[in-house]
Amino acid sequence: MPPRLCSLQDAAGRIEACSTACPFWEHGGAVLAGGCALERLELDLKGRSELVEALLKIRSRLGRAPSDIEEEEARSLFHRLVPPARRDV
C-alpha cells in the first residue's frame, strides 16, 4: 500500500508522506481511528495559499516547540484559524 500523502503539503503544491509524527496527527483511540486533524475539520485549502502557509508555519512551530509555553502559543494560533463551529476538534 503506498504511503498516504499530506493534504496540507498537497494544497501547497508539494508532495510529502503523511506522518504520525506530525503535530496535526491524532492517534485515535477506542472510538476514533487515527487521522489528520486538518482533514477532520474538512477545511477547503484549495486556492487558499495564505491559510496553507500559516498552517505550515504552525505545524513547524508545534513540531519543534521546546517548551509547553511555545507549544501552547502555536496551538492558540491554530485555533484562531479554525472556524468557531469546529473548535471542539
N, C-alpha and C. Protein backbone atom coordinates (compact mmCIF):
# COMPACT_ATOMS: atom_id res chain seq x y z
N MET A 1 0.85 -1.18 0.00
CA MET A 1 0.00 0.00 0.00
C MET A 1 0.89 1.24 0.00
N PRO A 2 0.68 2.17 -0.95
CA PRO A 2 1.51 3.38 -1.00
C PRO A 2 1.26 4.27 0.21
N PRO A 3 2.27 5.07 0.58
CA PRO A 3 2.07 5.94 1.74
C PRO A 3 0.98 6.99 1.47
N ARG A 4 0.29 7.34 2.50
CA ARG A 4 -0.74 8.38 2.41
C ARG A 4 -0.03 9.73 2.27
N LEU A 5 -0.56 10.60 1.42
CA LEU A 5 0.06 11.90 1.21
C LEU A 5 -0.55 12.96 2.13
N CYS A 6 0.28 13.90 2.55
CA CYS A 6 -0.13 15.01 3.41
C CYS A 6 -1.01 15.97 2.61
N SER A 7 -2.24 16.16 3.04
CA SER A 7 -3.16 17.05 2.33
C SER A 7 -2.74 18.51 2.44
N LEU A 8 -2.07 18.87 3.52
CA LEU A 8 -1.60 20.25 3.70
C LEU A 8 -0.48 20.55 2.70
N GLN A 9 0.47 19.64 2.60
CA GLN A 9 1.55 19.84 1.63
C GLN A 9 1.00 19.79 0.21
N ASP A 10 0.02 18.93 -0.04
CA ASP A 10 -0.61 18.86 -1.36
C ASP A 10 -1.23 20.21 -1.73
N ALA A 11 -1.89 20.85 -0.76
CA ALA A 11 -2.50 22.16 -1.00
C ALA A 11 -1.45 23.22 -1.29
N ALA A 12 -0.22 22.98 -0.80
CA ALA A 12 0.89 23.91 -1.06
C ALA A 12 1.61 23.58 -2.35
N GLY A 13 1.17 22.52 -3.04
CA GLY A 13 1.79 22.13 -4.31
C GLY A 13 3.01 21.25 -4.13
N ARG A 14 3.14 20.62 -2.96
CA ARG A 14 4.28 19.76 -2.68
C ARG A 14 3.80 18.36 -2.35
N ILE A 15 4.70 17.41 -2.49
CA ILE A 15 4.38 16.02 -2.17
C ILE A 15 5.17 15.61 -0.94
N GLU A 16 4.46 15.14 0.07
CA GLU A 16 5.09 14.67 1.30
C GLU A 16 4.20 13.58 1.88
N ALA A 17 4.83 12.53 2.37
CA ALA A 17 4.06 11.46 3.01
C ALA A 17 3.48 11.97 4.32
N CYS A 18 2.26 11.56 4.61
CA CYS A 18 1.62 11.87 5.87
C CYS A 18 2.36 11.09 6.97
N SER A 19 2.59 11.72 8.10
CA SER A 19 3.36 11.10 9.16
C SER A 19 2.63 11.16 10.49
N THR A 20 2.69 10.08 11.23
CA THR A 20 2.10 10.08 12.57
C THR A 20 2.91 10.94 13.53
N ALA A 21 4.08 11.41 13.10
CA ALA A 21 4.89 12.32 13.92
C ALA A 21 4.46 13.78 13.73
N CYS A 22 3.57 14.03 12.79
CA CYS A 22 3.08 15.39 12.52
C CYS A 22 2.25 15.88 13.71
N PRO A 23 2.43 17.14 14.11
CA PRO A 23 1.65 17.68 15.22
C PRO A 23 0.14 17.70 14.97
N PHE A 24 -0.28 17.65 13.72
CA PHE A 24 -1.70 17.64 13.40
C PHE A 24 -2.27 16.23 13.37
N TRP A 25 -1.43 15.21 13.58
CA TRP A 25 -1.90 13.83 13.58
C TRP A 25 -2.51 13.51 14.94
N GLU A 26 -3.68 12.96 14.91
CA GLU A 26 -4.35 12.50 16.13
C GLU A 26 -4.30 10.97 16.12
N HIS A 27 -3.75 10.40 17.17
CA HIS A 27 -3.51 8.96 17.19
C HIS A 27 -4.78 8.13 17.33
N GLY A 28 -5.83 8.72 17.77
CA GLY A 28 -7.08 7.98 17.88
C GLY A 28 -7.14 7.13 19.13
N GLY A 29 -8.20 6.37 19.22
CA GLY A 29 -8.39 5.54 20.40
C GLY A 29 -9.52 4.55 20.17
N ALA A 30 -10.26 4.29 21.21
CA ALA A 30 -11.32 3.29 21.14
C ALA A 30 -12.46 3.68 20.21
N VAL A 31 -12.76 4.97 20.13
CA VAL A 31 -13.90 5.42 19.34
C VAL A 31 -13.51 5.96 17.97
N LEU A 32 -12.40 6.66 17.91
CA LEU A 32 -12.00 7.34 16.68
C LEU A 32 -10.66 6.80 16.20
N ALA A 33 -10.59 6.45 14.93
CA ALA A 33 -9.34 5.97 14.35
C ALA A 33 -8.35 7.13 14.22
N GLY A 34 -7.08 6.81 14.14
CA GLY A 34 -6.06 7.84 13.94
C GLY A 34 -6.27 8.57 12.63
N GLY A 35 -5.89 9.83 12.59
CA GLY A 35 -6.05 10.60 11.36
C GLY A 35 -5.58 12.04 11.53
N CYS A 36 -5.63 12.75 10.44
CA CYS A 36 -5.19 14.14 10.39
C CYS A 36 -6.29 15.07 10.92
N ALA A 37 -5.93 15.89 11.89
CA ALA A 37 -6.90 16.84 12.46
C ALA A 37 -7.40 17.82 11.40
N LEU A 38 -6.52 18.22 10.48
CA LEU A 38 -6.94 19.16 9.44
C LEU A 38 -7.95 18.52 8.51
N GLU A 39 -7.75 17.25 8.17
CA GLU A 39 -8.71 16.57 7.31
C GLU A 39 -10.04 16.40 8.03
N ARG A 40 -10.01 16.15 9.32
CA ARG A 40 -11.25 16.01 10.09
C ARG A 40 -12.04 17.31 10.14
N LEU A 41 -11.33 18.43 10.08
CA LEU A 41 -12.00 19.73 10.07
C LEU A 41 -12.65 20.02 8.73
N GLU A 42 -12.25 19.26 7.71
CA GLU A 42 -12.76 19.43 6.35
C GLU A 42 -12.58 20.86 5.84
N LEU A 43 -11.41 21.43 6.13
CA LEU A 43 -11.10 22.77 5.63
C LEU A 43 -10.84 22.71 4.14
N ASP A 44 -11.40 23.64 3.40
CA ASP A 44 -11.14 23.72 1.96
C ASP A 44 -9.87 24.56 1.79
N LEU A 45 -8.77 23.90 1.47
CA LEU A 45 -7.48 24.58 1.37
C LEU A 45 -7.11 24.97 -0.05
N LYS A 46 -7.86 24.49 -1.03
CA LYS A 46 -7.54 24.77 -2.43
C LYS A 46 -7.68 26.26 -2.72
N GLY A 47 -6.62 26.83 -3.27
CA GLY A 47 -6.62 28.25 -3.61
C GLY A 47 -6.51 29.19 -2.42
N ARG A 48 -6.20 28.66 -1.25
CA ARG A 48 -6.09 29.49 -0.04
C ARG A 48 -4.65 29.46 0.45
N SER A 49 -3.75 29.97 -0.37
CA SER A 49 -2.32 29.87 -0.11
C SER A 49 -1.90 30.52 1.21
N GLU A 50 -2.53 31.63 1.59
CA GLU A 50 -2.17 32.28 2.85
C GLU A 50 -2.52 31.39 4.05
N LEU A 51 -3.67 30.74 4.01
CA LEU A 51 -4.07 29.84 5.07
C LEU A 51 -3.14 28.62 5.11
N VAL A 52 -2.83 28.08 3.95
CA VAL A 52 -1.94 26.92 3.87
C VAL A 52 -0.58 27.25 4.46
N GLU A 53 -0.02 28.39 4.09
CA GLU A 53 1.30 28.78 4.61
C GLU A 53 1.24 29.03 6.12
N ALA A 54 0.15 29.62 6.60
CA ALA A 54 0.00 29.84 8.05
C ALA A 54 -0.05 28.50 8.78
N LEU A 55 -0.80 27.54 8.25
CA LEU A 55 -0.89 26.22 8.87
C LEU A 55 0.45 25.48 8.83
N LEU A 56 1.19 25.64 7.74
CA LEU A 56 2.52 25.02 7.66
C LEU A 56 3.47 25.63 8.69
N LYS A 57 3.38 26.94 8.91
CA LYS A 57 4.22 27.59 9.93
C LYS A 57 3.85 27.10 11.32
N ILE A 58 2.55 26.98 11.57
CA ILE A 58 2.10 26.48 12.88
C ILE A 58 2.57 25.04 13.07
N ARG A 59 2.44 24.22 12.03
CA ARG A 59 2.90 22.83 12.12
C ARG A 59 4.39 22.78 12.43
N SER A 60 5.15 23.64 11.80
CA SER A 60 6.59 23.70 12.04
C SER A 60 6.88 24.10 13.49
N ARG A 61 6.18 25.12 13.98
CA ARG A 61 6.39 25.55 15.37
C ARG A 61 6.01 24.47 16.36
N LEU A 62 4.90 23.80 16.11
CA LEU A 62 4.48 22.72 17.01
C LEU A 62 5.48 21.57 16.99
N GLY A 63 6.04 21.31 15.81
CA GLY A 63 6.99 20.21 15.67
C GLY A 63 8.31 20.44 16.37
N ARG A 64 8.64 21.70 16.59
CA ARG A 64 9.93 21.99 17.23
C ARG A 64 9.79 22.75 18.54
N ALA A 65 8.58 22.85 19.04
CA ALA A 65 8.32 23.59 20.28
C ALA A 65 9.08 22.95 21.45
N PRO A 66 10.11 23.62 21.97
CA PRO A 66 10.89 23.05 23.06
C PRO A 66 10.25 23.20 24.43
N SER A 67 9.22 24.02 24.51
CA SER A 67 8.61 24.22 25.83
C SER A 67 7.10 24.18 25.72
N ASP A 68 6.45 23.92 26.83
CA ASP A 68 5.00 23.88 26.86
C ASP A 68 4.40 25.24 26.49
N ILE A 69 5.09 26.32 26.87
CA ILE A 69 4.59 27.67 26.57
C ILE A 69 4.57 27.90 25.07
N GLU A 70 5.65 27.56 24.37
CA GLU A 70 5.68 27.75 22.92
C GLU A 70 4.68 26.86 22.22
N GLU A 71 4.50 25.64 22.71
CA GLU A 71 3.51 24.75 22.12
C GLU A 71 2.11 25.33 22.30
N GLU A 72 1.82 25.86 23.46
CA GLU A 72 0.50 26.46 23.71
C GLU A 72 0.28 27.68 22.81
N GLU A 73 1.32 28.48 22.59
CA GLU A 73 1.21 29.63 21.69
C GLU A 73 0.91 29.18 20.27
N ALA A 74 1.58 28.13 19.80
CA ALA A 74 1.36 27.62 18.46
C ALA A 74 -0.05 27.04 18.34
N ARG A 75 -0.50 26.32 19.35
CA ARG A 75 -1.87 25.76 19.31
C ARG A 75 -2.91 26.89 19.32
N SER A 76 -2.62 27.96 20.05
CA SER A 76 -3.52 29.10 20.07
C SER A 76 -3.65 29.72 18.68
N LEU A 77 -2.53 29.84 17.97
CA LEU A 77 -2.56 30.35 16.59
C LEU A 77 -3.43 29.46 15.71
N PHE A 78 -3.28 28.15 15.86
CA PHE A 78 -4.06 27.20 15.09
C PHE A 78 -5.55 27.40 15.36
N HIS A 79 -5.92 27.51 16.62
CA HIS A 79 -7.33 27.63 16.97
C HIS A 79 -7.94 28.94 16.50
N ARG A 80 -7.13 29.96 16.31
CA ARG A 80 -7.65 31.21 15.76
C ARG A 80 -8.02 31.06 14.29
N LEU A 81 -7.39 30.08 13.61
CA LEU A 81 -7.69 29.86 12.19
C LEU A 81 -8.86 28.91 11.98
N VAL A 82 -9.23 28.18 13.00
CA VAL A 82 -10.31 27.20 12.89
C VAL A 82 -11.65 27.88 13.02
N PRO A 83 -12.59 27.57 12.14
CA PRO A 83 -13.93 28.17 12.25
C PRO A 83 -14.53 27.88 13.63
N PRO A 84 -15.23 28.84 14.23
CA PRO A 84 -15.79 28.67 15.58
C PRO A 84 -16.63 27.41 15.74
N ALA A 85 -17.37 27.02 14.74
CA ALA A 85 -18.23 25.85 14.86
C ALA A 85 -17.44 24.56 14.94
N ARG A 86 -16.13 24.60 14.64
CA ARG A 86 -15.33 23.39 14.62
C ARG A 86 -14.23 23.40 15.68
N ARG A 87 -14.29 24.29 16.63
CA ARG A 87 -13.23 24.42 17.62
C ARG A 87 -13.21 23.30 18.66
N ASP A 88 -14.18 22.42 18.65
CA ASP A 88 -14.19 21.33 19.61
C ASP A 88 -13.33 20.16 19.15
N VAL A 89 -12.72 20.26 17.98
CA VAL A 89 -11.88 19.18 17.45
C VAL A 89 -10.55 19.18 18.14
